[in-house]
Amino acid sequence: MKKIEFRTPNPMIPVPPDEDCGEAMKTCNPRERAFVVHYVMTGGRNQTESALQAGYCSPDKNNAAAVTAMRLLRRPRILAALREEAEKAMKTCVILATEVLREIALDASHKDRFKAAVELLNRSGLLVETQHRVTVQDDRRSVEEIRAEIVEVFKRVFADRPVPPELAEPIDVEFVSIPDSSREGINGIKNIQAVENIPEKEDWDEGLD
């Protein structure tokens, strides 16, 4: 087995001293700590570069550094230290995240202004409780019963106005529910169509030119 050529870790990597290390980082040696810190700082985008910066190989030996990085990422103490340092990095972003929410909440034109305000309240301990109520109705009526009800509603709609003769006694009825946001009608009627003598499908296009 070829011996790994060690170098001094890059002094620009902010490796924490022993007193500032967590329990997992304390089990790592200086090079392992440098690898962990660099790996977390760069978001794990280039493990080979992290190994190089930690001093495991010379810059001209990328292949060796890549193999070393893979081995490091299999060590339990390295994985524990990575998790520990990642959690610390997340906590340092709290102020930044709070400021982003604050900027959105202060922007009267932002589409997510209300959501940002709610998130700020939740994070400050003033929890905003939201409730969603869903009502499911099991309608076991027959088609004939539903048709009869629609006809009666239709007649009530035209109780104070003339009813066209062709709609007074509908032969067949079609009904379609539409969202409340686009509802148009009287007394909450969503969409009612009464049709007499429905033509055959092949006759629909006749007389349209």
N, C-alpha and C. Protein backbone atom coordinates (compact mmCIF):
# COMPACT_ATOMS: atom_id res chain seq x y z
N MET A 1 0.85 -1.20 0.00
CA MET A 1 0.00 0.00 0.00
C MET A 1 0.89 1.25 0.00
N LYS A 2 0.54 2.18 -0.89
CA LYS A 2 1.32 3.41 -0.99
C LYS A 2 0.98 4.34 0.16
N LYS A 3 2.01 4.89 0.79
CA LYS A 3 1.81 5.77 1.93
C LYS A 3 1.27 7.12 1.50
N ILE A 4 0.30 7.64 2.24
CA ILE A 4 -0.30 8.94 1.93
C ILE A 4 0.68 10.05 2.30
N GLU A 5 0.82 11.00 1.40
CA GLU A 5 1.70 12.13 1.64
C GLU A 5 0.92 13.24 2.34
N PHE A 6 1.20 13.45 3.60
CA PHE A 6 0.47 14.45 4.37
C PHE A 6 1.12 15.82 4.24
N ARG A 7 0.30 16.84 4.28
CA ARG A 7 0.77 18.22 4.30
C ARG A 7 0.06 18.95 5.44
N THR A 8 0.45 20.16 5.65
CA THR A 8 -0.20 20.97 6.68
C THR A 8 -1.54 21.45 6.16
N PRO A 9 -2.61 21.35 6.94
CA PRO A 9 -3.92 21.84 6.49
C PRO A 9 -3.86 23.32 6.15
N ASN A 10 -4.69 23.73 5.24
CA ASN A 10 -4.77 25.13 4.85
C ASN A 10 -5.12 25.97 6.07
N PRO A 11 -4.26 26.93 6.43
CA PRO A 11 -4.51 27.73 7.64
C PRO A 11 -5.74 28.63 7.52
N MET A 12 -6.27 28.77 6.30
CA MET A 12 -7.46 29.61 6.14
C MET A 12 -8.73 28.87 6.55
N ILE A 13 -8.66 27.58 6.75
CA ILE A 13 -9.83 26.83 7.20
C ILE A 13 -10.03 27.11 8.69
N PRO A 14 -11.18 27.64 9.09
CA PRO A 14 -11.41 28.02 10.50
C PRO A 14 -11.69 26.80 11.38
N VAL A 15 -10.65 26.02 11.62
CA VAL A 15 -10.80 24.84 12.48
C VAL A 15 -10.94 25.30 13.93
N PRO A 16 -11.99 24.90 14.62
CA PRO A 16 -12.19 25.37 16.00
C PRO A 16 -11.19 24.72 16.96
N PRO A 17 -10.78 25.43 17.99
CA PRO A 17 -9.89 24.84 19.01
C PRO A 17 -10.65 23.79 19.83
N ASP A 18 -9.92 23.07 20.64
CA ASP A 18 -10.51 21.98 21.41
C ASP A 18 -11.69 22.44 22.26
N GLU A 19 -11.53 23.60 22.88
CA GLU A 19 -12.59 24.06 23.80
C GLU A 19 -13.87 24.44 23.07
N ASP A 20 -13.79 24.70 21.76
CA ASP A 20 -14.98 25.06 20.99
C ASP A 20 -15.53 23.89 20.17
N CYS A 21 -14.89 22.74 20.29
CA CYS A 21 -15.35 21.59 19.53
C CYS A 21 -16.46 20.84 20.28
N GLY A 22 -17.36 20.27 19.50
CA GLY A 22 -18.37 19.42 20.09
C GLY A 22 -17.78 18.06 20.41
N GLU A 23 -18.62 17.20 20.99
CA GLU A 23 -18.12 15.89 21.39
C GLU A 23 -17.61 15.09 20.20
N ALA A 24 -18.28 15.18 19.07
CA ALA A 24 -17.85 14.41 17.90
C ALA A 24 -16.55 14.96 17.33
N MET A 25 -16.45 16.29 17.24
CA MET A 25 -15.23 16.88 16.68
C MET A 25 -14.01 16.63 17.56
N LYS A 26 -14.21 16.49 18.86
CA LYS A 26 -13.09 16.24 19.76
C LYS A 26 -12.43 14.89 19.50
N THR A 27 -13.16 13.97 18.91
CA THR A 27 -12.59 12.64 18.62
C THR A 27 -11.76 12.65 17.34
N CYS A 28 -11.78 13.77 16.59
CA CYS A 28 -11.06 13.84 15.31
C CYS A 28 -9.69 14.49 15.50
N ASN A 29 -8.76 14.11 14.66
CA ASN A 29 -7.43 14.73 14.68
C ASN A 29 -7.50 16.04 13.89
N PRO A 30 -6.45 16.86 13.90
CA PRO A 30 -6.50 18.16 13.23
C PRO A 30 -6.84 18.09 11.75
N ARG A 31 -6.27 17.13 11.02
CA ARG A 31 -6.58 17.04 9.59
C ARG A 31 -8.05 16.64 9.37
N GLU A 32 -8.53 15.71 10.17
CA GLU A 32 -9.93 15.32 10.05
C GLU A 32 -10.85 16.49 10.36
N ARG A 33 -10.50 17.28 11.34
CA ARG A 33 -11.31 18.47 11.67
C ARG A 33 -11.30 19.45 10.50
N ALA A 34 -10.13 19.65 9.90
CA ALA A 34 -10.03 20.56 8.76
C ALA A 34 -10.88 20.04 7.60
N PHE A 35 -10.86 18.73 7.38
CA PHE A 35 -11.67 18.14 6.32
C PHE A 35 -13.16 18.37 6.59
N VAL A 36 -13.57 18.14 7.82
CA VAL A 36 -14.99 18.30 8.20
C VAL A 36 -15.42 19.75 8.00
N VAL A 37 -14.63 20.68 8.50
CA VAL A 37 -15.00 22.10 8.41
C VAL A 37 -15.08 22.54 6.95
N HIS A 38 -14.10 22.19 6.15
CA HIS A 38 -14.10 22.59 4.74
C HIS A 38 -15.26 21.94 4.00
N TYR A 39 -15.53 20.69 4.31
CA TYR A 39 -16.63 19.97 3.66
C TYR A 39 -17.97 20.64 3.95
N VAL A 40 -18.18 21.05 5.20
CA VAL A 40 -19.43 21.73 5.58
C VAL A 40 -19.48 23.12 4.98
N MET A 41 -18.38 23.84 4.98
CA MET A 41 -18.33 25.20 4.43
C MET A 41 -18.68 25.21 2.95
N THR A 42 -18.26 24.20 2.21
CA THR A 42 -18.50 24.16 0.77
C THR A 42 -19.75 23.37 0.42
N GLY A 43 -20.50 22.97 1.41
CA GLY A 43 -21.75 22.26 1.15
C GLY A 43 -21.56 20.87 0.60
N GLY A 44 -20.38 20.28 0.81
CA GLY A 44 -20.13 18.93 0.33
C GLY A 44 -20.05 18.82 -1.17
N ARG A 45 -19.81 19.93 -1.85
CA ARG A 45 -19.81 19.91 -3.31
C ARG A 45 -18.56 19.28 -3.91
N ASN A 46 -17.44 19.30 -3.15
CA ASN A 46 -16.20 18.77 -3.70
C ASN A 46 -15.40 18.12 -2.57
N GLN A 47 -15.65 16.84 -2.35
CA GLN A 47 -14.97 16.14 -1.26
C GLN A 47 -13.48 15.99 -1.53
N THR A 48 -13.12 15.90 -2.81
CA THR A 48 -11.69 15.80 -3.16
C THR A 48 -10.95 17.06 -2.75
N GLU A 49 -11.53 18.21 -3.04
CA GLU A 49 -10.91 19.48 -2.67
C GLU A 49 -10.82 19.61 -1.16
N SER A 50 -11.82 19.11 -0.45
CA SER A 50 -11.78 19.16 1.02
C SER A 50 -10.61 18.35 1.56
N ALA A 51 -10.37 17.19 0.94
CA ALA A 51 -9.23 16.38 1.36
C ALA A 51 -7.91 17.08 1.06
N LEU A 52 -7.83 17.74 -0.11
CA LEU A 52 -6.61 18.46 -0.46
C LEU A 52 -6.36 19.62 0.50
N GLN A 53 -7.41 20.39 0.79
CA GLN A 53 -7.27 21.54 1.68
C GLN A 53 -6.94 21.12 3.11
N ALA A 54 -7.36 19.92 3.47
CA ALA A 54 -7.06 19.42 4.82
C ALA A 54 -5.65 18.88 4.93
N GLY A 55 -4.91 18.82 3.79
CA GLY A 55 -3.51 18.41 3.83
C GLY A 55 -3.27 16.93 3.67
N TYR A 56 -4.22 16.21 3.11
CA TYR A 56 -4.03 14.76 2.97
C TYR A 56 -3.16 14.40 1.77
N CYS A 57 -3.16 15.22 0.73
CA CYS A 57 -2.37 14.93 -0.46
C CYS A 57 -1.84 16.22 -1.04
N SER A 58 -0.86 16.11 -1.89
CA SER A 58 -0.35 17.28 -2.59
C SER A 58 -1.32 17.66 -3.70
N PRO A 59 -1.37 18.93 -4.09
CA PRO A 59 -2.35 19.39 -5.07
C PRO A 59 -2.31 18.67 -6.41
N ASP A 60 -1.18 18.05 -6.76
CA ASP A 60 -1.08 17.39 -8.06
C ASP A 60 -1.54 15.93 -8.02
N LYS A 61 -2.10 15.51 -6.92
CA LYS A 61 -2.53 14.11 -6.78
C LYS A 61 -4.03 14.05 -6.47
N ASN A 62 -4.80 14.46 -7.45
CA ASN A 62 -6.25 14.49 -7.26
C ASN A 62 -6.85 13.11 -7.08
N ASN A 63 -6.33 12.14 -7.80
CA ASN A 63 -6.88 10.79 -7.69
C ASN A 63 -6.70 10.23 -6.29
N ALA A 64 -5.52 10.43 -5.74
CA ALA A 64 -5.26 9.96 -4.38
C ALA A 64 -6.15 10.71 -3.38
N ALA A 65 -6.33 12.01 -3.61
CA ALA A 65 -7.18 12.79 -2.72
C ALA A 65 -8.63 12.32 -2.79
N ALA A 66 -9.10 11.95 -3.98
CA ALA A 66 -10.47 11.47 -4.14
C ALA A 66 -10.69 10.18 -3.37
N VAL A 67 -9.70 9.27 -3.45
CA VAL A 67 -9.80 8.00 -2.71
C VAL A 67 -9.77 8.26 -1.21
N THR A 68 -8.91 9.16 -0.78
CA THR A 68 -8.81 9.49 0.65
C THR A 68 -10.12 10.09 1.16
N ALA A 69 -10.72 10.97 0.35
CA ALA A 69 -11.98 11.59 0.76
C ALA A 69 -13.08 10.54 0.92
N MET A 70 -13.13 9.58 0.01
CA MET A 70 -14.13 8.52 0.12
C MET A 70 -13.93 7.71 1.40
N ARG A 71 -12.68 7.43 1.74
CA ARG A 71 -12.41 6.69 2.98
C ARG A 71 -12.77 7.49 4.22
N LEU A 72 -12.48 8.78 4.16
CA LEU A 72 -12.82 9.63 5.31
C LEU A 72 -14.33 9.66 5.56
N LEU A 73 -15.08 9.73 4.47
CA LEU A 73 -16.54 9.82 4.60
C LEU A 73 -17.19 8.51 5.03
N ARG A 74 -16.38 7.47 5.21
CA ARG A 74 -16.91 6.21 5.72
C ARG A 74 -16.59 6.00 7.20
N ARG A 75 -15.78 6.89 7.75
CA ARG A 75 -15.42 6.75 9.16
C ARG A 75 -16.56 7.28 10.04
N PRO A 76 -17.00 6.49 11.00
CA PRO A 76 -18.12 6.91 11.86
C PRO A 76 -17.86 8.24 12.57
N ARG A 77 -16.62 8.45 13.05
CA ARG A 77 -16.37 9.70 13.77
C ARG A 77 -16.42 10.90 12.83
N ILE A 78 -16.03 10.70 11.56
CA ILE A 78 -16.12 11.79 10.58
C ILE A 78 -17.58 12.11 10.30
N LEU A 79 -18.39 11.09 10.11
CA LEU A 79 -19.82 11.30 9.86
C LEU A 79 -20.50 11.99 11.03
N ALA A 80 -20.14 11.60 12.25
CA ALA A 80 -20.72 12.24 13.44
C ALA A 80 -20.30 13.70 13.52
N ALA A 81 -19.03 13.97 13.20
CA ALA A 81 -18.54 15.35 13.24
C ALA A 81 -19.20 16.19 12.16
N LEU A 82 -19.42 15.62 10.98
CA LEU A 82 -20.10 16.36 9.91
C LEU A 82 -21.51 16.75 10.33
N ARG A 83 -22.21 15.82 10.95
CA ARG A 83 -23.57 16.13 11.41
C ARG A 83 -23.54 17.23 12.47
N GLU A 84 -22.58 17.15 13.37
CA GLU A 84 -22.45 18.13 14.44
C GLU A 84 -22.18 19.53 13.89
N GLU A 85 -21.23 19.62 12.97
CA GLU A 85 -20.88 20.91 12.40
C GLU A 85 -21.99 21.46 11.50
N ALA A 86 -22.70 20.57 10.80
CA ALA A 86 -23.81 21.02 9.95
C ALA A 86 -24.92 21.62 10.79
N GLU A 87 -25.20 21.02 11.94
CA GLU A 87 -26.22 21.57 12.83
C GLU A 87 -25.81 22.93 13.36
N LYS A 88 -24.55 23.09 13.68
CA LYS A 88 -24.06 24.39 14.13
C LYS A 88 -24.18 25.44 13.04
N ALA A 89 -23.88 25.04 11.80
CA ALA A 89 -23.98 25.97 10.67
C ALA A 89 -25.43 26.39 10.44
N MET A 90 -26.35 25.46 10.62
CA MET A 90 -27.77 25.79 10.44
C MET A 90 -28.22 26.82 11.47
N LYS A 91 -27.75 26.66 12.70
CA LYS A 91 -28.16 27.59 13.75
C LYS A 91 -27.64 29.00 13.50
N THR A 92 -26.48 29.10 12.87
CA THR A 92 -25.93 30.43 12.59
C THR A 92 -26.71 31.14 11.49
N CYS A 93 -27.55 30.39 10.74
CA CYS A 93 -28.34 31.00 9.67
C CYS A 93 -29.70 31.50 10.16
N VAL A 94 -29.98 31.31 11.44
CA VAL A 94 -31.28 31.72 11.97
C VAL A 94 -31.49 33.23 11.81
N ILE A 95 -30.45 34.00 12.11
CA ILE A 95 -30.58 35.46 12.01
C ILE A 95 -30.84 35.87 10.57
N LEU A 96 -30.12 35.24 9.63
CA LEU A 96 -30.32 35.57 8.22
C LEU A 96 -31.73 35.21 7.78
N ALA A 97 -32.20 34.03 8.17
CA ALA A 97 -33.55 33.60 7.79
C ALA A 97 -34.61 34.52 8.38
N THR A 98 -34.40 34.94 9.62
CA THR A 98 -35.34 35.85 10.27
C THR A 98 -35.39 37.19 9.55
N GLU A 99 -34.23 37.67 9.12
CA GLU A 99 -34.18 38.96 8.42
C GLU A 99 -34.89 38.85 7.06
N VAL A 100 -34.75 37.70 6.39
CA VAL A 100 -35.43 37.52 5.10
C VAL A 100 -36.95 37.54 5.32
N LEU A 101 -37.43 36.83 6.35
CA LEU A 101 -38.86 36.85 6.65
C LEU A 101 -39.33 38.26 7.00
N ARG A 102 -38.50 38.98 7.74
CA ARG A 102 -38.87 40.35 8.13
C ARG A 102 -38.98 41.25 6.91
N GLU A 103 -38.05 41.12 5.96
CA GLU A 103 -38.10 41.94 4.75
C GLU A 103 -39.35 41.65 3.94
N ILE A 104 -39.73 40.36 3.86
CA ILE A 104 -40.94 40.00 3.13
C ILE A 104 -42.18 40.55 3.82
N ALA A 105 -42.21 40.44 5.16
CA ALA A 105 -43.37 40.92 5.91
C ALA A 105 -43.53 42.43 5.80
N LEU A 106 -42.42 43.16 5.64
CA LEU A 106 -42.48 44.61 5.54
C LEU A 106 -42.80 45.10 4.13
N ASP A 107 -42.71 44.20 3.16
CA ASP A 107 -42.97 44.56 1.77
C ASP A 107 -44.46 44.41 1.49
N ALA A 108 -45.16 45.53 1.41
CA ALA A 108 -46.62 45.49 1.23
C ALA A 108 -47.03 44.90 -0.11
N SER A 109 -46.13 44.88 -1.06
CA SER A 109 -46.46 44.37 -2.39
C SER A 109 -46.09 42.90 -2.57
N HIS A 110 -45.45 42.32 -1.59
CA HIS A 110 -44.99 40.93 -1.75
C HIS A 110 -46.18 39.98 -1.59
N LYS A 111 -46.25 38.99 -2.48
CA LYS A 111 -47.39 38.07 -2.47
C LYS A 111 -47.39 37.16 -1.25
N ASP A 112 -46.24 36.95 -0.62
CA ASP A 112 -46.15 36.07 0.55
C ASP A 112 -46.00 36.85 1.84
N ARG A 113 -46.47 38.09 1.84
CA ARG A 113 -46.31 38.92 3.03
C ARG A 113 -47.02 38.32 4.24
N PHE A 114 -48.26 37.87 4.04
CA PHE A 114 -49.02 37.31 5.16
C PHE A 114 -48.36 36.04 5.69
N LYS A 115 -47.88 35.18 4.79
CA LYS A 115 -47.22 33.95 5.22
C LYS A 115 -45.98 34.26 6.05
N ALA A 116 -45.22 35.27 5.61
CA ALA A 116 -44.02 35.65 6.35
C ALA A 116 -44.37 36.15 7.74
N ALA A 117 -45.45 36.94 7.84
CA ALA A 117 -45.87 37.45 9.14
C ALA A 117 -46.27 36.30 10.06
N VAL A 118 -46.99 35.33 9.53
CA VAL A 118 -47.40 34.18 10.33
C VAL A 118 -46.18 33.39 10.80
N GLU A 119 -45.20 33.21 9.92
CA GLU A 119 -43.99 32.48 10.30
C GLU A 119 -43.22 33.21 11.40
N LEU A 120 -43.17 34.54 11.31
CA LEU A 120 -42.49 35.31 12.35
C LEU A 120 -43.20 35.15 13.69
N LEU A 121 -44.52 35.17 13.66
CA LEU A 121 -45.28 34.98 14.90
C LEU A 121 -45.04 33.58 15.47
N ASN A 122 -45.05 32.59 14.61
CA ASN A 122 -44.83 31.22 15.08
C ASN A 122 -43.44 31.05 15.68
N ARG A 123 -42.43 31.63 15.03
CA ARG A 123 -41.06 31.49 15.53
C ARG A 123 -40.82 32.26 16.81
N SER A 124 -41.64 33.28 17.07
CA SER A 124 -41.48 34.07 18.29
C SER A 124 -42.28 33.52 19.46
N GLY A 125 -42.98 32.42 19.23
CA GLY A 125 -43.75 31.80 20.30
C GLY A 125 -45.22 32.14 20.29
N LEU A 126 -45.62 33.10 19.46
CA LEU A 126 -47.03 33.48 19.35
C LEU A 126 -47.65 32.64 18.24
N LEU A 127 -47.93 31.39 18.57
CA LEU A 127 -48.37 30.45 17.56
C LEU A 127 -49.71 30.87 16.97
N VAL A 128 -49.80 30.77 15.67
CA VAL A 128 -51.04 31.06 14.96
C VAL A 128 -51.70 29.73 14.63
N GLU A 129 -52.85 29.50 15.23
CA GLU A 129 -53.54 28.23 15.03
C GLU A 129 -54.51 28.34 13.86
N THR A 130 -54.39 27.43 12.94
CA THR A 130 -55.30 27.40 11.80
C THR A 130 -56.09 26.10 11.84
N GLN A 131 -57.35 26.19 11.46
CA GLN A 131 -58.21 25.02 11.44
C GLN A 131 -58.82 24.87 10.06
N HIS A 132 -58.89 23.65 9.61
CA HIS A 132 -59.51 23.33 8.33
C HIS A 132 -60.63 22.34 8.58
N ARG A 133 -61.82 22.69 8.17
CA ARG A 133 -62.97 21.84 8.38
C ARG A 133 -63.48 21.35 7.03
N VAL A 134 -63.58 20.06 6.90
CA VAL A 134 -64.06 19.44 5.67
C VAL A 134 -65.32 18.66 5.99
N THR A 135 -66.38 18.94 5.26
CA THR A 135 -67.64 18.23 5.44
C THR A 135 -67.89 17.34 4.24
N VAL A 136 -68.06 16.08 4.50
CA VAL A 136 -68.32 15.11 3.44
C VAL A 136 -69.75 14.61 3.60
N GLN A 137 -70.55 14.79 2.57
CA GLN A 137 -71.95 14.39 2.61
C GLN A 137 -72.16 13.20 1.68
N ASP A 138 -72.71 12.14 2.26
CA ASP A 138 -72.97 10.93 1.49
C ASP A 138 -74.40 11.00 0.96
N ASP A 139 -74.52 11.32 -0.30
CA ASP A 139 -75.84 11.47 -0.92
C ASP A 139 -76.21 10.15 -1.60
N ARG A 140 -77.19 9.46 -1.02
CA ARG A 140 -77.59 8.16 -1.55
C ARG A 140 -78.89 8.23 -2.36
N ARG A 141 -79.27 9.45 -2.75
CA ARG A 141 -80.51 9.57 -3.52
C ARG A 141 -80.33 9.02 -4.93
N SER A 142 -81.43 8.62 -5.50
CA SER A 142 -81.40 8.12 -6.87
C SER A 142 -81.33 9.28 -7.85
N VAL A 143 -81.06 8.96 -9.11
CA VAL A 143 -81.00 9.99 -10.14
C VAL A 143 -82.35 10.67 -10.28
N GLU A 144 -83.41 9.90 -10.18
CA GLU A 144 -84.76 10.48 -10.31
C GLU A 144 -85.04 11.47 -9.19
N GLU A 145 -84.61 11.15 -7.97
CA GLU A 145 -84.84 12.06 -6.84
C GLU A 145 -84.04 13.35 -7.00
N ILE A 146 -82.81 13.23 -7.45
CA ILE A 146 -81.99 14.43 -7.67
C ILE A 146 -82.59 15.28 -8.78
N ARG A 147 -83.05 14.62 -9.85
CA ARG A 147 -83.65 15.35 -10.96
C ARG A 147 -84.90 16.08 -10.50
N ALA A 148 -85.71 15.43 -9.67
CA ALA A 148 -86.94 16.07 -9.19
C ALA A 148 -86.63 17.29 -8.32
N GLU A 149 -85.58 17.19 -7.50
CA GLU A 149 -85.21 18.33 -6.65
C GLU A 149 -84.73 19.50 -7.50
N ILE A 150 -83.94 19.20 -8.53
CA ILE A 150 -83.43 20.26 -9.40
C ILE A 150 -84.58 20.95 -10.12
N VAL A 151 -85.55 20.18 -10.56
CA VAL A 151 -86.70 20.77 -11.24
C VAL A 151 -87.45 21.71 -10.31
N GLU A 152 -87.62 21.31 -9.04
CA GLU A 152 -88.32 22.16 -8.08
C GLU A 152 -87.54 23.44 -7.81
N VAL A 153 -86.23 23.32 -7.68
CA VAL A 153 -85.40 24.51 -7.47
C VAL A 153 -85.49 25.43 -8.68
N PHE A 154 -85.48 24.82 -9.86
CA PHE A 154 -85.57 25.60 -11.08
C PHE A 154 -86.89 26.38 -11.13
N LYS A 155 -87.95 25.73 -10.69
CA LYS A 155 -89.25 26.41 -10.69
C LYS A 155 -89.27 27.55 -9.68
N ARG A 156 -88.61 27.37 -8.54
CA ARG A 156 -88.58 28.45 -7.54
C ARG A 156 -87.81 29.66 -8.07
N VAL A 157 -86.78 29.39 -8.85
CA VAL A 157 -86.01 30.49 -9.42
C VAL A 157 -86.89 31.37 -10.30
N PHE A 158 -87.79 30.73 -11.06
CA PHE A 158 -88.66 31.46 -11.98
C PHE A 158 -90.05 31.70 -11.38
N ALA A 159 -90.11 31.71 -10.04
CA ALA A 159 -91.42 31.91 -9.40
C ALA A 159 -91.97 33.30 -9.67
N ASP A 160 -91.08 34.29 -9.79
CA ASP A 160 -91.53 35.67 -9.98
C ASP A 160 -91.23 36.20 -11.37
N ARG A 161 -91.05 35.33 -12.32
CA ARG A 161 -90.76 35.76 -13.68
C ARG A 161 -91.32 34.72 -14.65
N PRO A 162 -91.54 35.12 -15.86
CA PRO A 162 -92.10 34.17 -16.85
C PRO A 162 -91.14 33.02 -17.10
N VAL A 163 -91.70 31.86 -17.22
CA VAL A 163 -90.91 30.68 -17.53
C VAL A 163 -91.12 30.33 -19.00
N PRO A 164 -90.07 30.24 -19.76
CA PRO A 164 -90.24 29.85 -21.17
C PRO A 164 -90.98 28.51 -21.26
N PRO A 165 -91.90 28.40 -22.17
CA PRO A 165 -92.70 27.17 -22.27
C PRO A 165 -91.85 25.92 -22.44
N GLU A 166 -90.78 26.04 -23.19
CA GLU A 166 -89.97 24.86 -23.43
C GLU A 166 -89.21 24.39 -22.19
N LEU A 167 -89.16 25.26 -21.11
CA LEU A 167 -88.46 24.89 -19.89
C LEU A 167 -89.39 24.56 -18.74
N ALA A 168 -90.67 24.71 -18.95
CA ALA A 168 -91.62 24.49 -17.86
C ALA A 168 -91.63 23.04 -17.40
N GLU A 169 -91.59 22.13 -18.34
CA GLU A 169 -91.60 20.71 -18.00
C GLU A 169 -90.42 20.03 -18.69
N PRO A 170 -89.25 20.15 -18.12
CA PRO A 170 -88.07 19.59 -18.77
C PRO A 170 -88.13 18.07 -18.85
N ILE A 171 -87.73 17.56 -20.00
CA ILE A 171 -87.68 16.11 -20.19
C ILE A 171 -86.42 15.53 -19.55
N ASP A 172 -85.31 16.24 -19.63
CA ASP A 172 -84.08 15.76 -19.03
C ASP A 172 -83.36 16.95 -18.40
N VAL A 173 -82.52 16.70 -17.43
CA VAL A 173 -81.84 17.76 -16.69
C VAL A 173 -80.37 17.41 -16.57
N GLU A 174 -79.52 18.37 -16.81
CA GLU A 174 -78.10 18.23 -16.58
C GLU A 174 -77.69 19.20 -15.49
N PHE A 175 -76.86 18.76 -14.57
CA PHE A 175 -76.41 19.66 -13.51
C PHE A 175 -74.92 19.45 -13.30
N VAL A 176 -74.21 20.60 -13.09
CA VAL A 176 -72.76 20.58 -12.89
C VAL A 176 -72.44 21.53 -11.76
N SER A 177 -71.70 21.07 -10.75
CA SER A 177 -71.27 21.93 -9.65
C SER A 177 -70.01 22.67 -10.05
N ILE A 178 -69.96 23.95 -9.77
CA ILE A 178 -68.78 24.75 -10.08
C ILE A 178 -68.29 25.39 -8.80
N PRO A 179 -66.99 25.80 -8.75
CA PRO A 179 -66.45 26.41 -7.52
C PRO A 179 -67.22 27.66 -7.13
N ASP A 180 -67.26 27.92 -5.81
CA ASP A 180 -67.96 29.09 -5.31
C ASP A 180 -67.39 30.38 -5.88
N SER A 181 -66.07 30.38 -6.16
CA SER A 181 -65.43 31.61 -6.64
C SER A 181 -65.98 32.05 -7.99
N SER A 182 -66.48 31.11 -8.78
CA SER A 182 -67.02 31.48 -10.09
C SER A 182 -68.53 31.26 -10.15
N ARG A 183 -69.18 31.21 -9.00
CA ARG A 183 -70.60 30.94 -8.96
C ARG A 183 -71.39 32.14 -9.47
N GLU A 184 -72.34 31.88 -10.30
CA GLU A 184 -73.25 32.90 -10.78
C GLU A 184 -74.66 32.31 -10.77
N GLY A 185 -75.60 33.04 -10.26
CA GLY A 185 -76.96 32.52 -10.21
C GLY A 185 -77.76 33.20 -9.13
N ILE A 186 -78.86 32.62 -8.75
CA ILE A 186 -79.77 33.21 -7.79
C ILE A 186 -79.95 32.25 -6.63
N ASN A 187 -79.92 32.84 -5.40
CA ASN A 187 -80.18 32.06 -4.20
C ASN A 187 -79.24 30.85 -4.07
N GLY A 188 -77.98 31.04 -4.47
CA GLY A 188 -77.01 29.98 -4.27
C GLY A 188 -77.08 28.86 -5.28
N ILE A 189 -77.88 28.96 -6.33
CA ILE A 189 -77.93 27.92 -7.34
C ILE A 189 -76.64 27.98 -8.14
N LYS A 190 -75.94 26.88 -8.22
CA LYS A 190 -74.60 26.92 -8.81
C LYS A 190 -74.65 26.85 -10.33
N ASN A 191 -75.28 25.86 -10.88
CA ASN A 191 -75.33 25.79 -12.34
C ASN A 191 -76.42 24.80 -12.71
N ILE A 192 -77.49 25.28 -13.30
CA ILE A 192 -78.60 24.41 -13.63
C ILE A 192 -78.96 24.63 -15.09
N GLN A 193 -79.08 23.55 -15.80
CA GLN A 193 -79.47 23.64 -17.19
C GLN A 193 -80.62 22.68 -17.42
N ALA A 194 -81.70 23.17 -17.96
CA ALA A 194 -82.82 22.32 -18.30
C ALA A 194 -82.93 22.28 -19.81
N VAL A 195 -82.97 21.09 -20.35
CA VAL A 195 -82.92 20.93 -21.79
C VAL A 195 -84.06 20.03 -22.22
N GLU A 196 -84.79 20.44 -23.23
CA GLU A 196 -85.87 19.62 -23.77
C GLU A 196 -85.50 19.16 -25.17
N ASN A 197 -85.78 17.93 -25.44
CA ASN A 197 -85.50 17.36 -26.74
C ASN A 197 -84.02 17.49 -27.10
N ILE A 198 -83.18 16.90 -26.28
CA ILE A 198 -81.74 16.97 -26.51
C ILE A 198 -81.42 16.30 -27.85
N PRO A 199 -80.75 16.98 -28.75
CA PRO A 199 -80.46 16.40 -30.07
C PRO A 199 -79.43 15.30 -29.98
N GLU A 200 -79.41 14.47 -30.98
CA GLU A 200 -78.40 13.44 -31.06
C GLU A 200 -77.03 14.10 -31.29
N LYS A 201 -75.98 13.41 -30.89
CA LYS A 201 -74.64 13.98 -30.97
C LYS A 201 -74.25 14.36 -32.38
N GLU A 202 -74.68 13.49 -33.36
CA GLU A 202 -74.28 13.79 -34.73
C GLU A 202 -75.00 14.99 -35.32
N ASP A 203 -76.08 15.49 -34.62
CA ASP A 203 -76.82 16.66 -35.11
C ASP A 203 -76.35 17.96 -34.46
N TRP A 204 -75.35 17.90 -33.55
CA TRP A 204 -74.99 19.11 -32.81
C TRP A 204 -74.45 20.21 -33.72
N ASP A 205 -73.76 19.84 -34.78
CA ASP A 205 -73.12 20.85 -35.60
C ASP A 205 -74.03 21.39 -36.69
N GLU A 206 -75.22 20.84 -36.80
CA GLU A 206 -76.12 21.32 -37.85
C GLU A 206 -76.66 22.70 -37.54
N GLY A 207 -76.74 23.53 -38.55
CA GLY A 207 -77.33 24.86 -38.40
C GLY A 207 -76.43 25.86 -37.75
N LEU A 208 -75.12 25.54 -37.59
CA LEU A 208 -74.22 26.49 -36.95
C LEU A 208 -73.49 27.37 -37.92
N ASP A 209 -73.59 27.13 -39.23
CA ASP A 209 -72.87 27.97 -40.18
C ASP A 209 -73.72 29.15 -40.61
